[in-house]
Each structure stands twice: as C-alpha cells, then as structure tokens.
Amino acid sequence: MKKIFLCCAAGMSTSMLVERMKQSASSRDIEVEITAVPVSEFEQIVGEADAILLGPQVKFQLQSLSAAAAPHGVPVAAIDMMQYGAMQGDKVLDHALSLLKNA
C-alpha cells in the first residue's frame, strides 16, 4: 500500500484535509495510507513515504525538503493553496497520485 504524508507546521491543520482525501480514496476504491505530520518529523518519515505533500505554511521549504527526499526516491510537492483552503481532498489526492505515477 502506498503511503502519502502531508506535512504542515504542526500536523494539525492538514488533519481535516487528510480525512477528505481518505473519503475520496475510499469512494474510488484506491488503497492508500494518508497521514498528517508536522514538518519537524520529515526526517523520520521520508524513508517510509511514497509521496510527501507540503501545506502552504511550509511551502517555502520545498526546495530543501525535495533535496533531502531525493536520495530516498520520494517526490515532494506543495499543495495548491486554493485546494488546501477549500479542503478539496479529491483534487489533492489526484495530485498525490500523479506524483506516485511519476516516481
């Protein structure tokens, strides 16, 4: 099963988005594990992740976190701010799935 992590400042604000993504995955019979974590846990989770999405509040770290994930072959991308704000779990899930296909 593929593991998708959403990183934000504290891991709290992405929790609702994670639930929406899980609902979308379930309705489409897509088996993925989606977890929200604070960006401070990035080093601990990067080795087990298949894709990592960054919340808008930590988007400024995209370049450094992408470089840290590269040796693990893990794609890192920022969540679209509009999709994040509107809690569009289906669209954010589609973004994560596209990263998995390209990995």
C-alpha atoms as a PDB file:
ATOM      1  CA  MET A   1       0.000   0.000   0.000  1.00  0.00           C
ATOM      2  CA  LYS A   2       1.300   3.430  -0.954  1.00  0.00           C
ATOM      3  CA  LYS A   3       1.980   5.916   1.842  1.00  0.00           C
ATOM      4  CA  ILE A   4       1.273   9.602   1.372  1.00  0.00           C
ATOM      5  CA  PHE A   5       2.306  12.106   4.018  1.00  0.00           C
ATOM      6  CA  LEU A   6       1.051  15.673   4.338  1.00  0.00           C
ATOM      7  CA  CYS A   7       3.468  17.939   6.199  1.00  0.00           C
ATOM      8  CA  CYS A   8       2.476  21.233   7.735  1.00  0.00           C
ATOM      9  CA  ALA A   9       3.720  23.451  10.527  1.00  0.00           C
ATOM     10  CA  ALA A  10       2.291  21.320  13.350  1.00  0.00           C
ATOM     11  CA  GLY A  11       0.429  18.466  11.643  1.00  0.00           C
ATOM     12  CA  MET A  12      -2.907  19.786  12.872  1.00  0.00           C
ATOM     13  CA  SER A  13      -4.274  21.897  10.042  1.00  0.00           C
ATOM     14  CA  THR A  14      -3.848  19.154   7.465  1.00  0.00           C
ATOM     15  CA  SER A  15      -5.798  16.597   9.520  1.00  0.00           C
ATOM     16  CA  MET A  16      -9.162  17.654   8.075  1.00  0.00           C
ATOM     17  CA  LEU A  17      -7.731  17.570   4.560  1.00  0.00           C
ATOM     18  CA  VAL A  18      -6.362  14.074   5.216  1.00  0.00           C
ATOM     19  CA  GLU A  19      -9.873  12.920   6.178  1.00  0.00           C
ATOM     20  CA  ARG A  20     -11.303  14.351   2.951  1.00  0.00           C
ATOM     21  CA  MET A  21      -8.558  12.628   0.951  1.00  0.00           C
ATOM     22  CA  LYS A  22      -9.295   9.317   2.696  1.00  0.00           C
ATOM     23  CA  GLN A  23     -13.007   9.678   1.897  1.00  0.00           C
ATOM     24  CA  SER A  24     -12.186  10.355  -1.750  1.00  0.00           C
ATOM     25  CA  ALA A  25      -9.808   7.381  -1.932  1.00  0.00           C
ATOM     26  CA  SER A  26     -12.386   5.100  -0.299  1.00  0.00           C
ATOM     27  CA  SER A  27     -15.153   6.156  -2.684  1.00  0.00           C
ATOM     28  CA  ARG A  28     -12.855   5.343  -5.617  1.00  0.00           C
ATOM     29  CA  ASP A  29     -11.544   2.049  -4.158  1.00  0.00           C
ATOM     30  CA  ILE A  30      -7.985   3.399  -4.037  1.00  0.00           C
ATOM     31  CA  GLU A  31      -5.877   1.797  -1.326  1.00  0.00           C
ATOM     32  CA  VAL A  32      -3.519   4.389   0.127  1.00  0.00           C
ATOM     33  CA  GLU A  33      -2.382   5.324   3.602  1.00  0.00           C
ATOM     34  CA  ILE A  34      -2.568   9.077   4.192  1.00  0.00           C
ATOM     35  CA  THR A  35      -1.091  10.691   7.305  1.00  0.00           C
ATOM     36  CA  ALA A  36      -0.634  14.271   8.525  1.00  0.00           C
ATOM     37  CA  VAL A  37       2.650  15.028  10.288  1.00  0.00           C
ATOM     38  CA  PRO A  38       4.464  18.152  11.416  1.00  0.00           C
ATOM     39  CA  VAL A  39       7.350  19.128   9.146  1.00  0.00           C
ATOM     40  CA  SER A  40       9.669  18.631  12.124  1.00  0.00           C
ATOM     41  CA  GLU A  41       9.152  14.853  11.646  1.00  0.00           C
ATOM     42  CA  PHE A  42      10.195  14.941   7.980  1.00  0.00           C
ATOM     43  CA  GLU A  43      13.483  13.108   8.554  1.00  0.00           C
ATOM     44  CA  GLN A  44      11.698  10.294  10.423  1.00  0.00           C
ATOM     45  CA  ILE A  45       9.025   9.690   7.763  1.00  0.00           C
ATOM     46  CA  VAL A  46      10.897  10.283   4.497  1.00  0.00           C
ATOM     47  CA  GLY A  47      12.245   6.729   4.373  1.00  0.00           C
ATOM     48  CA  GLU A  48       8.798   5.148   4.546  1.00  0.00           C
ATOM     49  CA  ALA A  49       6.937   7.634   2.334  1.00  0.00           C
ATOM     50  CA  ASP A  50       5.952   7.116  -1.292  1.00  0.00           C
ATOM     51  CA  ALA A  51       4.984  10.788  -1.716  1.00  0.00           C
ATOM     52  CA  ILE A  52       5.045  13.871   0.505  1.00  0.00           C
ATOM     53  CA  LEU A  53       2.852  16.939   0.116  1.00  0.00           C
ATOM     54  CA  LEU A  54       3.599  20.217   1.876  1.00  0.00           C
ATOM     55  CA  GLY A  55       0.966  22.537   3.297  1.00  0.00           C
ATOM     56  CA  PRO A  56       1.060  26.215   2.283  1.00  0.00           C
ATOM     57  CA  GLN A  57       2.606  27.252   5.597  1.00  0.00           C
ATOM     58  CA  VAL A  58       5.767  25.195   4.920  1.00  0.00           C
ATOM     59  CA  LYS A  59       5.854  25.556   1.127  1.00  0.00           C
ATOM     60  CA  PHE A  60       8.947  27.768   1.462  1.00  0.00           C
ATOM     61  CA  GLN A  61      10.876  24.609   2.459  1.00  0.00           C
ATOM     62  CA  LEU A  62      10.005  22.773  -0.769  1.00  0.00           C
ATOM     63  CA  GLN A  63      13.485  23.011  -2.298  1.00  0.00           C
ATOM     64  CA  SER A  64      15.398  21.835   0.776  1.00  0.00           C
ATOM     65  CA  LEU A  65      12.921  19.043   1.585  1.00  0.00           C
ATOM     66  CA  SER A  66      12.916  17.849  -2.026  1.00  0.00           C
ATOM     67  CA  ALA A  67      16.700  17.654  -1.894  1.00  0.00           C
ATOM     68  CA  ALA A  68      16.536  15.698   1.383  1.00  0.00           C
ATOM     69  CA  ALA A  69      13.989  13.263  -0.099  1.00  0.00           C
ATOM     70  CA  ALA A  70      15.827  12.753  -3.411  1.00  0.00           C
ATOM     71  CA  PRO A  71      18.218  10.037  -2.110  1.00  0.00           C
ATOM     72  CA  HIS A  72      15.139   8.086  -0.987  1.00  0.00           C
ATOM     73  CA  GLY A  73      13.449   8.497  -4.384  1.00  0.00           C
ATOM     74  CA  VAL A  74      10.475  10.219  -2.733  1.00  0.00           C
ATOM     75  CA  PRO A  75       8.703  13.016  -4.636  1.00  0.00           C
ATOM     76  CA  VAL A  76       7.857  16.140  -2.633  1.00  0.00           C
ATOM     77  CA  ALA A  77       5.382  18.773  -3.834  1.00  0.00           C
ATOM     78  CA  ALA A  78       3.408  21.697  -2.441  1.00  0.00           C
ATOM     79  CA  ILE A  79      -0.358  21.523  -2.047  1.00  0.00           C
ATOM     80  CA  ASP A  80      -2.180  24.117  -4.141  1.00  0.00           C
ATOM     81  CA  MET A  81      -3.228  26.903  -1.778  1.00  0.00           C
ATOM     82  CA  MET A  82      -6.737  27.161  -3.232  1.00  0.00           C
ATOM     83  CA  GLN A  83      -7.306  23.409  -2.971  1.00  0.00           C
ATOM     84  CA  TYR A  84      -5.944  23.462   0.573  1.00  0.00           C
ATOM     85  CA  GLY A  85      -8.133  26.373   1.642  1.00  0.00           C
ATOM     86  CA  ALA A  86     -11.242  24.788   0.128  1.00  0.00           C
ATOM     87  CA  MET A  87     -10.322  21.380   1.621  1.00  0.00           C
ATOM     88  CA  GLN A  88     -10.646  19.734  -1.809  1.00  0.00           C
ATOM     89  CA  GLY A  89      -9.478  16.283  -0.762  1.00  0.00           C
ATOM     90  CA  ASP A  90     -10.282  14.762  -4.140  1.00  0.00           C
ATOM     91  CA  LYS A  91      -8.060  17.200  -6.040  1.00  0.00           C
ATOM     92  CA  VAL A  92      -5.208  16.959  -3.525  1.00  0.00           C
ATOM     93  CA  LEU A  93      -5.457  13.158  -3.692  1.00  0.00           C
ATOM     94  CA  ASP A  94      -5.256  13.353  -7.504  1.00  0.00           C
ATOM     95  CA  HIS A  95      -2.095  15.473  -7.147  1.00  0.00           C
ATOM     96  CA  ALA A  96      -0.532  12.925  -4.778  1.00  0.00           C
ATOM     97  CA  LEU A  97      -1.461  10.034  -7.072  1.00  0.00           C
ATOM     98  CA  SER A  98       0.152  11.814 -10.024  1.00  0.00           C
ATOM     99  CA  LEU A  99       3.380  12.017  -8.008  1.00  0.00           C
ATOM    100  CA  LEU A 100       3.224   8.265  -7.389  1.00  0.00           C
ATOM    101  CA  LYS A 101       2.882   7.550 -11.105  1.00  0.00           C
ATOM    102  CA  ASN A 102       5.877   9.741 -11.911  1.00  0.00           C
ATOM    103  CA  ALA A 103       8.067   8.280  -9.160  1.00  0.00           C
END
